[in-house]
Amino acid sequence: MLGMTLTGKTRMAFLLFFSSHIAITLLLDGQACSIMPKSLYPDVVVHLLKWYTVTFKDALMTPPVDLWLRSFIACELIFQLPFFILSTYILLHNNTTTNNNTNIVDGKGWF
């Protein structure tokens, strides 16, 4: 299975997953981690996070965010975000060999 090229719906599902998580990681999780001042985020994104925490009663993402969660989000920004970007790039350019290697490292080696 490792030599298989992702095509069709499977490729689109992975592309949607990785590309959507780039935005979610930077815009929503980044706010909770407080790596950048709130003034740098667009008002729409700040209100989206507030709406999410109120609507879904997410106590973890409601300010103030605990240090342990901020550390997990910081790890996500440091380790996962580069994989999201790289995997999106690779899927857009159909690089089979590199795609298989990044999926193995990211825990999706069964594709």
Protein backbone atom coordinates (compact mmCIF):
# COMPACT_ATOMS: atom_id res chain seq x y z
CA MET A 1 0.00 0.00 0.00
CA LEU A 2 2.91 2.37 0.51
CA GLY A 3 3.49 2.85 -3.22
CA MET A 4 -0.15 3.80 -3.84
CA THR A 5 -1.01 7.29 -5.05
CA LEU A 6 -3.88 9.05 -3.33
CA THR A 7 -6.51 9.85 -5.94
CA GLY A 8 -10.15 10.82 -6.20
CA LYS A 9 -12.23 11.17 -3.08
CA THR A 10 -9.49 9.91 -0.76
CA ARG A 11 -7.06 12.57 -2.00
CA MET A 12 -9.72 15.27 -1.68
CA ALA A 13 -10.60 14.13 1.87
CA PHE A 14 -6.96 14.36 2.95
CA LEU A 15 -6.54 17.70 1.18
CA LEU A 16 -9.64 19.10 2.90
CA PHE A 17 -8.49 17.75 6.28
CA PHE A 18 -4.98 19.19 6.10
CA SER A 19 -5.93 22.54 4.57
CA SER A 20 -8.80 23.14 7.01
CA HIS A 21 -6.57 22.31 9.96
CA ILE A 22 -4.04 24.91 8.90
CA ALA A 23 -6.66 27.64 9.34
CA ILE A 24 -8.11 26.13 12.52
CA THR A 25 -4.69 25.72 14.11
CA LEU A 26 -3.54 29.24 13.32
CA LEU A 27 -6.76 31.17 13.87
CA LEU A 28 -8.53 29.38 16.71
CA ASP A 29 -5.94 27.34 18.57
CA GLY A 30 -3.42 30.16 18.20
CA GLN A 31 -5.74 32.48 20.12
CA ALA A 32 -6.02 30.02 23.00
CA CYS A 33 -2.25 29.60 23.14
CA SER A 34 -1.79 33.39 23.25
CA ILE A 35 1.29 33.34 21.07
CA MET A 36 0.16 36.53 19.33
CA PRO A 37 -1.72 39.50 20.73
CA LYS A 38 -5.50 39.42 20.20
CA SER A 39 -5.25 42.67 18.25
CA LEU A 40 -3.55 40.81 15.38
CA TYR A 41 -6.54 38.50 14.88
CA PRO A 42 -9.44 39.73 12.76
CA ASP A 43 -12.59 40.57 14.74
CA VAL A 44 -14.51 37.85 12.89
CA VAL A 45 -12.09 35.19 14.15
CA VAL A 46 -12.16 36.50 17.72
CA HIS A 47 -15.97 36.43 17.66
CA LEU A 48 -15.92 32.95 16.12
CA LEU A 49 -13.92 31.60 19.06
CA LYS A 50 -16.26 33.33 21.53
CA TRP A 51 -19.29 31.92 19.69
CA TYR A 52 -17.78 28.44 19.69
CA THR A 53 -16.97 28.44 23.42
CA VAL A 54 -20.44 29.73 24.36
CA THR A 55 -22.45 27.59 21.92
CA PHE A 56 -20.66 24.32 22.65
CA LYS A 57 -19.85 25.17 26.30
CA ASP A 58 -16.20 24.28 25.75
CA ALA A 59 -14.65 24.93 29.13
CA LEU A 60 -11.15 24.10 27.89
CA MET A 61 -11.07 26.86 25.26
CA THR A 62 -12.80 29.44 27.44
CA PRO A 63 -10.34 32.06 28.71
CA PRO A 64 -8.24 31.83 30.76
CA VAL A 65 -6.87 28.69 29.11
CA ASP A 66 -4.95 26.41 31.45
CA LEU A 67 -1.19 26.15 31.08
CA TRP A 68 -1.28 22.43 30.26
CA LEU A 69 -3.64 23.04 27.31
CA ARG A 70 -1.56 25.99 26.09
CA SER A 71 1.49 23.72 26.11
CA PHE A 72 -0.35 21.11 24.02
CA ILE A 73 -1.44 23.79 21.56
CA ALA A 74 2.12 25.11 21.39
CA CYS A 75 3.28 21.58 20.50
CA GLU A 76 0.58 21.46 17.84
CA LEU A 77 1.85 24.73 16.38
CA ILE A 78 5.47 23.56 16.45
CA PHE A 79 5.10 19.97 15.28
CA GLN A 80 1.74 19.43 13.55
CA LEU A 81 1.33 22.70 11.67
CA PRO A 82 4.42 22.10 9.49
CA PHE A 83 3.03 18.65 8.60
CA PHE A 84 -0.34 20.17 7.70
CA ILE A 85 1.36 22.67 5.40
CA LEU A 86 3.73 20.12 3.88
CA SER A 87 1.00 17.53 3.32
CA THR A 88 -1.28 20.11 1.69
CA TYR A 89 1.54 21.17 -0.62
CA ILE A 90 2.38 17.57 -1.50
CA LEU A 91 -1.25 16.64 -2.18
CA LEU A 92 -1.63 19.67 -4.42
CA HIS A 93 1.46 18.67 -6.40
CA ASN A 94 0.87 14.87 -6.41
CA ASN A 95 4.30 13.92 -5.05
CA THR A 96 3.69 10.23 -4.21
CA THR A 97 6.97 9.34 -2.49
CA THR A 98 7.04 12.33 -0.17
CA ASN A 99 3.31 11.99 0.51
CA ASN A 100 3.76 8.43 1.74
CA ASN A 101 6.68 9.44 3.98
CA THR A 102 4.78 12.33 5.59
CA ASN A 103 1.69 10.17 6.14
CA ILE A 104 3.81 7.52 7.85
CA VAL A 105 5.36 10.11 10.16
CA ASP A 106 1.95 11.68 10.86
CA GLY A 107 0.46 8.29 11.76
CA LYS A 108 -1.45 7.61 8.56
CA GLY A 109 0.91 4.95 7.19
CA TRP A 110 -1.88 2.60 6.19
CA PHE A 111 -2.56 4.65 3.04
